[in-house]
Amino acid sequence: MKTVALIANGQIDSPEALRPSILKNQRIVAVDGGLRHCHEMGITPRLIVGDFDSCPENLLKHYASISQIVLPIDKDQTDLEVAIEHELKQGAEAITFFAAWGKRADHSLTNALLLVRHVGKVKLETEEETLFAIRGKTEIQCHKGQTLSLIPLYGKATGINTSGLKWELNKGTLDQNFIGISNVCLKDQVVISIDHGSLLCCLLKQLY
């Protein structure tokens, strides 16, 4: 499986905690100011994508030998959106966003919506948790005691059945009135099926 790490310009509190997860990927792409994170972690990306409004010019010169996709500042997509589409066209089968959460709420929420747009192909990882979207039937590998939340982002999700959680759903519905926050995994595999709609899954790394 071709795996890609996209390093964005969001928040990283502990670079050394995320560095091993980033290096597990076969290809690393810096997205605009994400090049700063790569530089601080001693990681050389294979590609740099962005309009470079958040990347220092001297850093771009330092990595002048690295291939770049230079984007206009005025555009309808974020730099991260362009990077995702480019990598998928290049055959990426699994993409993980790093530094794609925090710093700016608008970017964080947009990146969460991108997870739902590309269900099964992309996820977002921070030091504390992993975020990904689910639709249909999904088997989630986890550990007993992990906290798992199910959040409806694109409207109502109905016909939800779960197995392996402390508080199960049986033909349940999640919407703006009822959100599945802070459930607990009781097994090393949780199975979730959804008849209609999709959910954002937030899986904390630490045990309950």
N, C-alpha and C. Protein backbone atom coordinates (compact mmCIF):
# COMPACT_ATOMS: atom_id res chain seq x y z
N MET A 1 0.84 -1.19 0.00
CA MET A 1 0.00 0.00 0.00
C MET A 1 0.88 1.24 0.00
N LYS A 2 0.59 2.18 -0.89
CA LYS A 2 1.36 3.42 -0.97
C LYS A 2 0.81 4.41 0.05
N THR A 3 1.64 4.74 1.02
CA THR A 3 1.21 5.64 2.10
C THR A 3 1.93 6.98 1.99
N VAL A 4 1.19 8.04 2.30
CA VAL A 4 1.72 9.39 2.17
C VAL A 4 1.42 10.19 3.43
N ALA A 5 2.39 10.95 3.91
CA ALA A 5 2.20 11.88 5.01
C ALA A 5 2.19 13.30 4.46
N LEU A 6 1.14 14.05 4.76
CA LEU A 6 1.07 15.45 4.38
C LEU A 6 1.30 16.29 5.63
N ILE A 7 2.34 17.10 5.64
CA ILE A 7 2.67 17.90 6.80
C ILE A 7 2.17 19.32 6.57
N ALA A 8 1.15 19.73 7.30
CA ALA A 8 0.53 21.04 7.10
C ALA A 8 1.14 22.07 8.04
N ASN A 9 0.50 23.24 8.13
CA ASN A 9 1.05 24.36 8.89
C ASN A 9 0.35 24.56 10.23
N GLY A 10 -0.37 23.53 10.69
CA GLY A 10 -1.08 23.65 11.95
C GLY A 10 -0.16 23.42 13.14
N GLN A 11 -0.76 23.02 14.22
CA GLN A 11 -0.06 22.94 15.50
C GLN A 11 0.59 21.58 15.72
N ILE A 12 1.84 21.59 16.17
CA ILE A 12 2.51 20.39 16.67
C ILE A 12 3.13 20.76 18.00
N ASP A 13 2.67 20.14 19.07
CA ASP A 13 3.19 20.44 20.40
C ASP A 13 4.44 19.62 20.73
N SER A 14 4.49 18.40 20.18
CA SER A 14 5.61 17.52 20.48
C SER A 14 6.11 16.87 19.19
N PRO A 15 7.02 17.53 18.47
CA PRO A 15 7.51 17.00 17.20
C PRO A 15 8.08 15.59 17.31
N GLU A 16 8.81 15.32 18.38
CA GLU A 16 9.43 14.01 18.52
C GLU A 16 8.40 12.90 18.72
N ALA A 17 7.23 13.25 19.25
CA ALA A 17 6.18 12.25 19.44
C ALA A 17 5.57 11.84 18.11
N LEU A 18 5.50 12.80 17.17
CA LEU A 18 4.88 12.52 15.87
C LEU A 18 5.88 12.03 14.82
N ARG A 19 7.15 12.34 15.02
CA ARG A 19 8.16 12.00 14.00
C ARG A 19 8.14 10.52 13.59
N PRO A 20 8.09 9.56 14.53
CA PRO A 20 8.06 8.15 14.12
C PRO A 20 6.86 7.81 13.24
N SER A 21 5.69 8.37 13.56
CA SER A 21 4.49 8.10 12.76
C SER A 21 4.64 8.67 11.34
N ILE A 22 5.26 9.84 11.26
CA ILE A 22 5.47 10.45 9.94
C ILE A 22 6.41 9.60 9.10
N LEU A 23 7.50 9.14 9.71
CA LEU A 23 8.52 8.40 8.97
C LEU A 23 8.07 7.01 8.56
N LYS A 24 6.95 6.52 9.10
CA LYS A 24 6.42 5.22 8.68
C LYS A 24 5.89 5.26 7.25
N ASN A 25 5.57 6.47 6.77
CA ASN A 25 4.99 6.61 5.44
C ASN A 25 6.06 6.53 4.35
N GLN A 26 5.64 6.03 3.19
CA GLN A 26 6.58 5.86 2.09
C GLN A 26 6.95 7.18 1.42
N ARG A 27 6.08 8.17 1.57
CA ARG A 27 6.31 9.45 0.91
C ARG A 27 5.86 10.57 1.85
N ILE A 28 6.64 11.64 1.92
CA ILE A 28 6.33 12.77 2.79
C ILE A 28 6.25 14.03 1.95
N VAL A 29 5.16 14.78 2.12
CA VAL A 29 4.93 16.01 1.37
C VAL A 29 4.74 17.16 2.35
N ALA A 30 5.48 18.24 2.17
CA ALA A 30 5.31 19.44 3.00
C ALA A 30 4.30 20.35 2.32
N VAL A 31 3.31 20.79 3.08
CA VAL A 31 2.28 21.69 2.55
C VAL A 31 2.53 23.08 3.12
N ASP A 32 3.05 23.96 2.26
CA ASP A 32 3.35 25.35 2.62
C ASP A 32 4.17 25.42 3.91
N GLY A 33 3.63 26.10 4.95
CA GLY A 33 4.38 26.28 6.18
C GLY A 33 4.71 24.99 6.90
N GLY A 34 4.15 23.89 6.45
CA GLY A 34 4.51 22.58 7.00
C GLY A 34 5.97 22.26 6.79
N LEU A 35 6.60 22.98 5.85
CA LEU A 35 8.04 22.78 5.62
C LEU A 35 8.83 23.13 6.87
N ARG A 36 8.34 24.09 7.66
CA ARG A 36 9.01 24.44 8.91
C ARG A 36 9.02 23.26 9.87
N HIS A 37 7.89 22.57 9.96
CA HIS A 37 7.82 21.39 10.83
C HIS A 37 8.80 20.32 10.35
N CYS A 38 8.83 20.09 9.04
CA CYS A 38 9.76 19.09 8.49
C CYS A 38 11.20 19.46 8.85
N HIS A 39 11.53 20.72 8.68
CA HIS A 39 12.89 21.18 8.95
C HIS A 39 13.25 20.99 10.42
N GLU A 40 12.33 21.33 11.30
CA GLU A 40 12.58 21.20 12.74
C GLU A 40 12.74 19.74 13.16
N MET A 41 12.07 18.82 12.44
CA MET A 41 12.16 17.40 12.77
C MET A 41 13.27 16.68 12.01
N GLY A 42 13.99 17.43 11.16
CA GLY A 42 15.07 16.81 10.39
C GLY A 42 14.56 15.88 9.31
N ILE A 43 13.40 16.19 8.76
CA ILE A 43 12.78 15.38 7.72
C ILE A 43 12.82 16.13 6.39
N THR A 44 13.34 15.49 5.36
CA THR A 44 13.36 16.11 4.04
C THR A 44 12.19 15.57 3.21
N PRO A 45 11.25 16.42 2.84
CA PRO A 45 10.09 15.95 2.07
C PRO A 45 10.46 15.63 0.62
N ARG A 46 9.61 14.86 -0.03
CA ARG A 46 9.80 14.56 -1.45
C ARG A 46 9.22 15.65 -2.34
N LEU A 47 8.26 16.42 -1.78
CA LEU A 47 7.56 17.44 -2.55
C LEU A 47 7.12 18.55 -1.61
N ILE A 48 7.09 19.79 -2.12
CA ILE A 48 6.57 20.93 -1.36
C ILE A 48 5.43 21.54 -2.17
N VAL A 49 4.27 21.71 -1.53
CA VAL A 49 3.08 22.23 -2.22
C VAL A 49 2.58 23.47 -1.48
N GLY A 50 2.26 24.54 -2.21
CA GLY A 50 1.66 25.69 -1.54
C GLY A 50 1.76 26.98 -2.32
N ASP A 51 1.07 27.99 -1.80
CA ASP A 51 1.23 29.34 -2.35
C ASP A 51 2.31 30.10 -1.58
N PHE A 52 2.82 29.46 -0.54
CA PHE A 52 3.96 29.92 0.25
C PHE A 52 3.72 31.26 0.95
N ASP A 53 2.47 31.45 1.40
CA ASP A 53 2.16 32.63 2.20
C ASP A 53 2.53 32.42 3.66
N SER A 54 2.82 31.17 4.04
CA SER A 54 3.17 30.89 5.44
C SER A 54 4.53 30.20 5.56
N CYS A 55 5.30 30.19 4.48
CA CYS A 55 6.61 29.53 4.50
C CYS A 55 7.71 30.56 4.27
N PRO A 56 8.67 30.66 5.17
CA PRO A 56 9.75 31.63 5.02
C PRO A 56 10.54 31.42 3.72
N GLU A 57 10.88 32.52 3.06
CA GLU A 57 11.59 32.44 1.79
C GLU A 57 12.95 31.77 1.93
N ASN A 58 13.62 32.04 3.05
CA ASN A 58 14.95 31.44 3.23
C ASN A 58 14.87 29.93 3.36
N LEU A 59 13.74 29.42 3.90
CA LEU A 59 13.57 27.98 4.03
C LEU A 59 13.32 27.35 2.66
N LEU A 60 12.55 28.03 1.83
CA LEU A 60 12.34 27.54 0.47
C LEU A 60 13.65 27.47 -0.30
N LYS A 61 14.50 28.45 -0.09
CA LYS A 61 15.81 28.45 -0.77
C LYS A 61 16.67 27.29 -0.27
N HIS A 62 16.55 27.00 1.04
CA HIS A 62 17.32 25.89 1.62
C HIS A 62 16.94 24.56 0.98
N TYR A 63 15.63 24.43 0.62
CA TYR A 63 15.15 23.19 0.01
C TYR A 63 14.89 23.38 -1.49
N ALA A 64 15.69 24.19 -2.13
CA ALA A 64 15.49 24.52 -3.55
C ALA A 64 15.60 23.29 -4.45
N SER A 65 16.29 22.26 -3.99
CA SER A 65 16.47 21.06 -4.82
C SER A 65 15.25 20.14 -4.79
N ILE A 66 14.30 20.42 -3.89
CA ILE A 66 13.10 19.60 -3.75
C ILE A 66 12.03 20.08 -4.74
N SER A 67 11.35 19.15 -5.37
CA SER A 67 10.28 19.51 -6.33
C SER A 67 9.20 20.31 -5.63
N GLN A 68 8.66 21.29 -6.36
CA GLN A 68 7.63 22.15 -5.80
C GLN A 68 6.42 22.25 -6.73
N ILE A 69 5.25 22.36 -6.13
CA ILE A 69 4.05 22.76 -6.86
C ILE A 69 3.65 24.11 -6.31
N VAL A 70 3.86 25.16 -7.10
CA VAL A 70 3.61 26.53 -6.66
C VAL A 70 2.19 26.93 -7.05
N LEU A 71 1.40 27.33 -6.06
CA LEU A 71 -0.01 27.65 -6.27
C LEU A 71 -0.25 29.16 -6.17
N PRO A 72 -1.28 29.66 -6.84
CA PRO A 72 -1.64 31.07 -6.67
C PRO A 72 -2.26 31.30 -5.30
N ILE A 73 -2.10 32.50 -4.77
CA ILE A 73 -2.70 32.81 -3.48
C ILE A 73 -4.23 32.85 -3.59
N ASP A 74 -4.75 33.41 -4.68
CA ASP A 74 -6.19 33.48 -4.88
C ASP A 74 -6.67 32.22 -5.59
N LYS A 75 -7.36 31.35 -4.86
CA LYS A 75 -7.83 30.09 -5.43
C LYS A 75 -9.01 29.58 -4.62
N ASP A 76 -9.71 28.59 -5.16
CA ASP A 76 -10.92 28.07 -4.51
C ASP A 76 -10.62 26.90 -3.58
N GLN A 77 -9.40 26.39 -3.57
CA GLN A 77 -9.03 25.26 -2.72
C GLN A 77 -7.92 25.66 -1.77
N THR A 78 -7.85 24.97 -0.64
CA THR A 78 -6.71 25.17 0.26
C THR A 78 -5.49 24.43 -0.32
N ASP A 79 -4.33 24.80 0.18
CA ASP A 79 -3.11 24.11 -0.25
C ASP A 79 -3.20 22.61 0.06
N LEU A 80 -3.80 22.28 1.20
CA LEU A 80 -3.92 20.87 1.59
C LEU A 80 -4.84 20.12 0.64
N GLU A 81 -5.93 20.75 0.22
CA GLU A 81 -6.83 20.11 -0.75
C GLU A 81 -6.09 19.77 -2.03
N VAL A 82 -5.31 20.71 -2.52
CA VAL A 82 -4.55 20.48 -3.75
C VAL A 82 -3.56 19.33 -3.56
N ALA A 83 -2.89 19.32 -2.41
CA ALA A 83 -1.91 18.26 -2.13
C ALA A 83 -2.58 16.89 -2.08
N ILE A 84 -3.76 16.82 -1.47
CA ILE A 84 -4.49 15.55 -1.40
C ILE A 84 -4.81 15.04 -2.80
N GLU A 85 -5.40 15.89 -3.62
CA GLU A 85 -5.80 15.49 -4.96
C GLU A 85 -4.59 15.07 -5.79
N HIS A 86 -3.48 15.78 -5.63
CA HIS A 86 -2.27 15.43 -6.38
C HIS A 86 -1.78 14.04 -5.97
N GLU A 87 -1.72 13.78 -4.68
CA GLU A 87 -1.20 12.49 -4.21
C GLU A 87 -2.13 11.33 -4.58
N LEU A 88 -3.43 11.56 -4.54
CA LEU A 88 -4.37 10.51 -4.95
C LEU A 88 -4.19 10.19 -6.43
N LYS A 89 -3.97 11.20 -7.25
CA LYS A 89 -3.74 10.98 -8.68
C LYS A 89 -2.43 10.24 -8.92
N GLN A 90 -1.48 10.40 -7.98
CA GLN A 90 -0.20 9.72 -8.10
C GLN A 90 -0.24 8.30 -7.54
N GLY A 91 -1.41 7.87 -7.10
CA GLY A 91 -1.57 6.49 -6.66
C GLY A 91 -1.54 6.27 -5.16
N ALA A 92 -1.62 7.33 -4.38
CA ALA A 92 -1.65 7.16 -2.93
C ALA A 92 -2.89 6.38 -2.52
N GLU A 93 -2.71 5.41 -1.64
CA GLU A 93 -3.83 4.60 -1.16
C GLU A 93 -4.24 4.97 0.26
N ALA A 94 -3.32 5.57 1.01
CA ALA A 94 -3.62 6.00 2.38
C ALA A 94 -2.83 7.27 2.66
N ILE A 95 -3.54 8.33 3.03
CA ILE A 95 -2.92 9.62 3.30
C ILE A 95 -3.21 10.03 4.74
N THR A 96 -2.17 10.46 5.44
CA THR A 96 -2.34 10.94 6.80
C THR A 96 -1.91 12.40 6.88
N PHE A 97 -2.78 13.24 7.46
CA PHE A 97 -2.45 14.64 7.70
C PHE A 97 -1.75 14.77 9.06
N PHE A 98 -0.69 15.52 9.10
CA PHE A 98 -0.05 15.89 10.35
C PHE A 98 0.01 17.42 10.42
N ALA A 99 0.00 17.97 11.61
CA ALA A 99 -0.02 19.43 11.81
C ALA A 99 -1.19 20.04 11.05
N ALA A 100 -2.31 19.35 11.06
CA ALA A 100 -3.51 19.80 10.35
C ALA A 100 -4.64 20.15 11.31
N TRP A 101 -4.27 20.33 12.57
CA TRP A 101 -5.26 20.63 13.61
C TRP A 101 -4.68 21.68 14.54
N GLY A 102 -5.52 22.55 15.06
CA GLY A 102 -5.05 23.59 15.97
C GLY A 102 -4.59 24.83 15.22
N LYS A 103 -4.24 25.84 15.95
CA LYS A 103 -3.78 27.14 15.45
C LYS A 103 -4.93 27.97 14.90
N ARG A 104 -5.66 27.46 13.88
CA ARG A 104 -6.80 28.19 13.32
C ARG A 104 -8.01 27.27 13.24
N ALA A 105 -9.13 27.70 13.83
CA ALA A 105 -10.34 26.88 13.86
C ALA A 105 -10.89 26.65 12.46
N ASP A 106 -10.83 27.67 11.59
CA ASP A 106 -11.39 27.50 10.25
C ASP A 106 -10.65 26.42 9.46
N HIS A 107 -9.32 26.40 9.58
CA HIS A 107 -8.55 25.37 8.89
C HIS A 107 -8.80 24.00 9.52
N SER A 108 -8.88 23.94 10.83
CA SER A 108 -9.10 22.66 11.51
C SER A 108 -10.43 22.05 11.10
N LEU A 109 -11.49 22.85 11.10
CA LEU A 109 -12.80 22.34 10.72
C LEU A 109 -12.85 21.94 9.25
N THR A 110 -12.20 22.73 8.40
CA THR A 110 -12.13 22.37 6.98
C THR A 110 -11.42 21.04 6.79
N ASN A 111 -10.34 20.83 7.52
CA ASN A 111 -9.60 19.57 7.40
C ASN A 111 -10.43 18.38 7.90
N ALA A 112 -11.26 18.60 8.92
CA ALA A 112 -12.16 17.54 9.37
C ALA A 112 -13.16 17.18 8.27
N LEU A 113 -13.67 18.19 7.57
CA LEU A 113 -14.60 17.94 6.47
C LEU A 113 -13.92 17.20 5.32
N LEU A 114 -12.63 17.46 5.12
CA LEU A 114 -11.89 16.75 4.07
C LEU A 114 -11.81 15.25 4.37
N LEU A 115 -11.79 14.91 5.65
CA LEU A 115 -11.78 13.49 6.02
C LEU A 115 -13.06 12.81 5.56
N VAL A 116 -14.18 13.52 5.69
CA VAL A 116 -15.47 12.96 5.28
C VAL A 116 -15.56 12.92 3.75
N ARG A 117 -14.94 13.87 3.08
CA ARG A 117 -14.94 13.88 1.62
C ARG A 117 -14.20 12.67 1.06
N HIS A 118 -13.15 12.25 1.75
CA HIS A 118 -12.31 11.15 1.25
C HIS A 118 -12.35 9.97 2.23
N VAL A 119 -13.54 9.47 2.48
CA VAL A 119 -13.71 8.37 3.45
C VAL A 119 -12.87 7.15 3.04
N GLY A 120 -12.15 6.61 4.01
CA GLY A 120 -11.38 5.39 3.78
C GLY A 120 -10.00 5.62 3.18
N LYS A 121 -9.71 6.86 2.79
CA LYS A 121 -8.42 7.13 2.16
C LYS A 121 -7.55 8.08 2.96
N VAL A 122 -8.15 8.89 3.81
CA VAL A 122 -7.38 9.87 4.55
C VAL A 122 -7.71 9.82 6.04
N LYS A 123 -6.75 10.21 6.84
CA LYS A 123 -6.95 10.35 8.28
C LYS A 123 -6.08 11.50 8.77
N LEU A 124 -6.34 11.94 9.97
CA LEU A 124 -5.61 13.05 10.57
C LEU A 124 -5.06 12.57 11.91
N GLU A 125 -3.77 12.82 12.14
CA GLU A 125 -3.17 12.35 13.38
C GLU A 125 -2.52 13.50 14.14
N THR A 126 -2.77 13.55 15.44
CA THR A 126 -2.08 14.47 16.33
C THR A 126 -1.34 13.64 17.38
N GLU A 127 -0.70 14.32 18.33
CA GLU A 127 -0.03 13.59 19.39
C GLU A 127 -1.02 12.80 20.24
N GLU A 128 -2.25 13.30 20.35
CA GLU A 128 -3.23 12.72 21.28
C GLU A 128 -4.25 11.79 20.63
N GLU A 129 -4.53 11.99 19.35
CA GLU A 129 -5.64 11.22 18.76
C GLU A 129 -5.49 11.04 17.25
N THR A 130 -6.32 10.15 16.73
CA THR A 130 -6.42 9.93 15.30
C THR A 130 -7.86 10.17 14.88
N LEU A 131 -8.04 10.96 13.83
CA LEU A 131 -9.38 11.28 13.32
C LEU A 131 -9.54 10.69 11.92
N PHE A 132 -10.71 10.11 11.65
CA PHE A 132 -11.01 9.58 10.32
C PHE A 132 -12.52 9.48 10.18
N ALA A 133 -12.97 9.40 8.95
CA ALA A 133 -14.41 9.33 8.69
C ALA A 133 -14.81 7.90 8.35
N ILE A 134 -16.04 7.55 8.69
CA ILE A 134 -16.55 6.21 8.39
C ILE A 134 -17.91 6.32 7.71
N ARG A 135 -18.17 5.36 6.86
CA ARG A 135 -19.45 5.27 6.14
C ARG A 135 -19.70 3.80 5.85
N GLY A 136 -20.98 3.39 5.87
CA GLY A 136 -21.26 1.97 5.66
C GLY A 136 -20.81 1.15 6.86
N LYS A 137 -20.16 0.00 6.60
CA LYS A 137 -19.67 -0.85 7.69
C LYS A 137 -18.16 -0.71 7.81
N THR A 138 -17.69 -0.50 9.05
CA THR A 138 -16.27 -0.28 9.30
C THR A 138 -15.81 -1.07 10.50
N GLU A 139 -14.65 -1.71 10.39
CA GLU A 139 -14.02 -2.39 11.52
C GLU A 139 -12.83 -1.55 11.96
N ILE A 140 -12.84 -1.12 13.21
CA ILE A 140 -11.81 -0.24 13.75
C ILE A 140 -10.90 -1.01 14.69
N GLN A 141 -9.62 -1.04 14.38
CA GLN A 141 -8.65 -1.69 15.26
C GLN A 141 -8.29 -0.71 16.37
N CYS A 142 -8.37 -1.16 17.61
CA CYS A 142 -8.16 -0.28 18.75
C CYS A 142 -7.61 -1.10 19.92
N HIS A 143 -7.65 -0.52 21.11
CA HIS A 143 -7.24 -1.22 22.32
C HIS A 143 -8.32 -1.03 23.38
N LYS A 144 -8.50 -2.02 24.20
CA LYS A 144 -9.46 -1.91 25.29
C LYS A 144 -9.12 -0.70 26.15
N GLY A 145 -10.13 0.13 26.41
CA GLY A 145 -9.92 1.30 27.23
C GLY A 145 -9.69 2.59 26.46
N GLN A 146 -9.55 2.50 25.15
CA GLN A 146 -9.42 3.73 24.36
C GLN A 146 -10.76 4.46 24.27
N THR A 147 -10.69 5.79 24.25
CA THR A 147 -11.89 6.61 24.11
C THR A 147 -12.16 6.87 22.64
N LEU A 148 -13.41 6.68 22.25
CA LEU A 148 -13.82 6.83 20.85
C LEU A 148 -15.07 7.70 20.80
N SER A 149 -15.05 8.73 19.96
CA SER A 149 -16.22 9.59 19.78
C SER A 149 -16.69 9.52 18.33
N LEU A 150 -18.00 9.59 18.15
CA LEU A 150 -18.60 9.55 16.82
C LEU A 150 -19.39 10.84 16.62
N ILE A 151 -18.98 11.64 15.63
CA ILE A 151 -19.56 12.96 15.45
C ILE A 151 -20.13 13.11 14.03
N PRO A 152 -21.41 13.48 13.90
CA PRO A 152 -22.00 13.70 12.58
C PRO A 152 -21.66 15.10 12.08
N LEU A 153 -20.89 15.17 11.00
CA LEU A 153 -20.48 16.47 10.45
C LEU A 153 -21.32 16.90 9.27
N TYR A 154 -21.66 15.97 8.40
CA TYR A 154 -22.40 16.28 7.18
C TYR A 154 -23.87 15.94 7.35
N GLY A 155 -24.50 16.40 8.43
CA GLY A 155 -25.90 16.13 8.64
C GLY A 155 -26.13 14.85 9.41
N LYS A 156 -27.39 14.43 9.47
CA LYS A 156 -27.81 13.29 10.28
C LYS A 156 -27.25 11.97 9.74
N ALA A 157 -26.85 11.10 10.68
CA ALA A 157 -26.46 9.73 10.36
C ALA A 157 -27.45 8.80 11.05
N THR A 158 -28.04 7.88 10.30
CA THR A 158 -29.10 7.03 10.86
C THR A 158 -28.79 5.55 10.65
N GLY A 159 -29.54 4.72 11.39
CA GLY A 159 -29.35 3.27 11.29
C GLY A 159 -27.97 2.84 11.75
N ILE A 160 -27.51 3.41 12.87
CA ILE A 160 -26.16 3.13 13.35
C ILE A 160 -26.18 1.96 14.33
N ASN A 161 -25.36 0.95 14.04
CA ASN A 161 -25.19 -0.19 14.94
C ASN A 161 -23.72 -0.29 15.33
N THR A 162 -23.46 -0.51 16.60
CA THR A 162 -22.08 -0.63 17.07
C THR A 162 -21.90 -1.92 17.84
N SER A 163 -20.66 -2.42 17.84
CA SER A 163 -20.30 -3.60 18.61
C SER A 163 -18.90 -3.41 19.16
N GLY A 164 -18.75 -3.56 20.47
CA GLY A 164 -17.45 -3.43 21.09
C GLY A 164 -17.26 -2.15 21.89
N LEU A 165 -18.35 -1.40 22.07
CA LEU A 165 -18.29 -0.15 22.83
C LEU A 165 -19.04 -0.28 24.15
N LYS A 166 -18.69 0.56 25.10
CA LYS A 166 -19.36 0.54 26.40
C LYS A 166 -20.83 0.91 26.26
N TRP A 167 -21.11 1.92 25.47
CA TRP A 167 -22.49 2.33 25.22
C TRP A 167 -22.80 2.09 23.75
N GLU A 168 -23.56 1.03 23.49
CA GLU A 168 -23.82 0.60 22.12
C GLU A 168 -25.01 1.36 21.51
N LEU A 169 -25.01 1.41 20.19
CA LEU A 169 -26.13 1.94 19.44
C LEU A 169 -26.77 0.81 18.65
N ASN A 170 -28.10 0.78 18.66
CA ASN A 170 -28.85 -0.21 17.89
C ASN A 170 -29.86 0.55 17.04
N LYS A 171 -29.58 0.64 15.76
CA LYS A 171 -30.39 1.44 14.83
C LYS A 171 -30.50 2.89 15.33
N GLY A 172 -29.39 3.38 15.86
CA GLY A 172 -29.38 4.70 16.45
C GLY A 172 -29.21 5.83 15.44
N THR A 173 -29.41 7.03 15.91
CA THR A 173 -29.27 8.23 15.09
C THR A 173 -28.36 9.22 15.80
N LEU A 174 -27.43 9.79 15.07
CA LEU A 174 -26.58 10.86 15.59
C LEU A 174 -26.78 12.09 14.74
N ASP A 175 -27.04 13.22 15.39
CA ASP A 175 -27.21 14.49 14.68
C ASP A 175 -26.83 15.62 15.63
N GLN A 176 -27.24 16.85 15.31
CA GLN A 176 -26.86 17.97 16.17
C GLN A 176 -27.48 17.90 17.56
N ASN A 177 -28.50 17.06 17.72
CA ASN A 177 -29.17 16.93 19.01
C ASN A 177 -28.59 15.81 19.88
N PHE A 178 -27.91 14.87 19.25
CA PHE A 178 -27.34 13.74 20.00
C PHE A 178 -26.03 13.34 19.33
N ILE A 179 -24.94 13.53 20.05
CA ILE A 179 -23.59 13.28 19.53
C ILE A 179 -22.91 12.22 20.39
N GLY A 180 -22.22 11.30 19.76
CA GLY A 180 -21.61 10.18 20.49
C GLY A 180 -20.23 10.51 21.02
N ILE A 181 -20.19 11.33 22.07
CA ILE A 181 -18.92 11.77 22.63
C ILE A 181 -18.42 10.82 23.74
N SER A 182 -17.13 10.54 23.73
CA SER A 182 -16.42 9.86 24.83
C SER A 182 -16.99 8.49 25.16
N ASN A 183 -17.20 7.67 24.14
CA ASN A 183 -17.51 6.27 24.38
C ASN A 183 -16.20 5.55 24.69
N VAL A 184 -16.28 4.28 25.10
CA VAL A 184 -15.08 3.54 25.50
C VAL A 184 -15.04 2.20 24.78
N CYS A 185 -13.88 1.87 24.23
CA CYS A 185 -13.71 0.58 23.54
C CYS A 185 -13.54 -0.53 24.58
N LEU A 186 -14.34 -1.59 24.44
CA LEU A 186 -14.26 -2.73 25.35
C LEU A 186 -13.53 -3.91 24.73
N LYS A 187 -13.23 -3.81 23.45
CA LYS A 187 -12.53 -4.88 22.73
C LYS A 187 -11.40 -4.28 21.91
N ASP A 188 -10.61 -5.15 21.28
CA ASP A 188 -9.53 -4.68 20.42
C ASP A 188 -10.00 -4.42 18.99
N GLN A 189 -11.28 -4.63 18.78
CA GLN A 189 -11.88 -4.29 17.48
C GLN A 189 -13.31 -3.82 17.71
N VAL A 190 -13.63 -2.67 17.16
CA VAL A 190 -14.98 -2.13 17.23
C VAL A 190 -15.57 -2.16 15.83
N VAL A 191 -16.81 -2.62 15.73
CA VAL A 191 -17.49 -2.68 14.44
C VAL A 191 -18.64 -1.68 14.45
N ILE A 192 -18.68 -0.82 13.43
CA ILE A 192 -19.73 0.19 13.31
C ILE A 192 -20.33 0.12 11.92
N SER A 193 -21.65 0.10 11.84
CA SER A 193 -22.33 0.14 10.55
C SER A 193 -23.32 1.30 10.55
N ILE A 194 -23.43 1.95 9.39
CA ILE A 194 -24.30 3.11 9.23
C ILE A 194 -25.16 2.90 7.99
N ASP A 195 -26.47 2.98 8.14
CA ASP A 195 -27.35 2.82 6.97
C ASP A 195 -27.30 4.05 6.07
N HIS A 196 -27.36 5.22 6.66
CA HIS A 196 -27.37 6.46 5.88
C HIS A 196 -26.52 7.52 6.57
N GLY A 197 -25.67 8.19 5.78
CA GLY A 197 -24.84 9.24 6.31
C GLY A 197 -23.43 8.78 6.62
N SER A 198 -22.67 9.65 7.26
CA SER A 198 -21.28 9.36 7.61
C SER A 198 -20.97 9.99 8.97
N LEU A 199 -19.89 9.53 9.57
CA LEU A 199 -19.50 10.01 10.90
C LEU A 199 -18.01 10.29 10.94
N LEU A 200 -17.64 11.27 11.73
CA LEU A 200 -16.24 11.51 12.03
C LEU A 200 -15.91 10.74 13.30
N CYS A 201 -14.88 9.92 13.22
CA CYS A 201 -14.47 9.12 14.37
C CYS A 201 -13.20 9.71 14.97
N CYS A 202 -13.22 9.96 16.27
CA CYS A 202 -12.05 10.49 16.98
C CYS A 202 -11.60 9.43 17.99
N LEU A 203 -10.42 8.87 17.78
CA LEU A 203 -9.92 7.79 18.62
C LEU A 203 -8.69 8.29 19.40
N LEU A 204 -8.87 8.44 20.72
CA LEU A 204 -7.76 8.89 21.55
C LEU A 204 -6.71 7.80 21.67
N LYS A 205 -5.45 8.19 21.67
CA LYS A 205 -4.37 7.21 21.75
C LYS A 205 -4.21 6.66 23.16
N GLN A 206 -4.40 7.49 24.17
CA GLN A 206 -4.21 7.03 25.55
C GLN A 206 -5.41 6.21 26.00
N LEU A 207 -5.19 5.32 26.95
CA LEU A 207 -6.25 4.47 27.45
C LEU A 207 -7.09 5.23 28.46
N TYR A 208 -8.34 4.80 28.57
CA TYR A 208 -9.32 5.45 29.48
C TYR A 208 -8.90 5.30 30.93
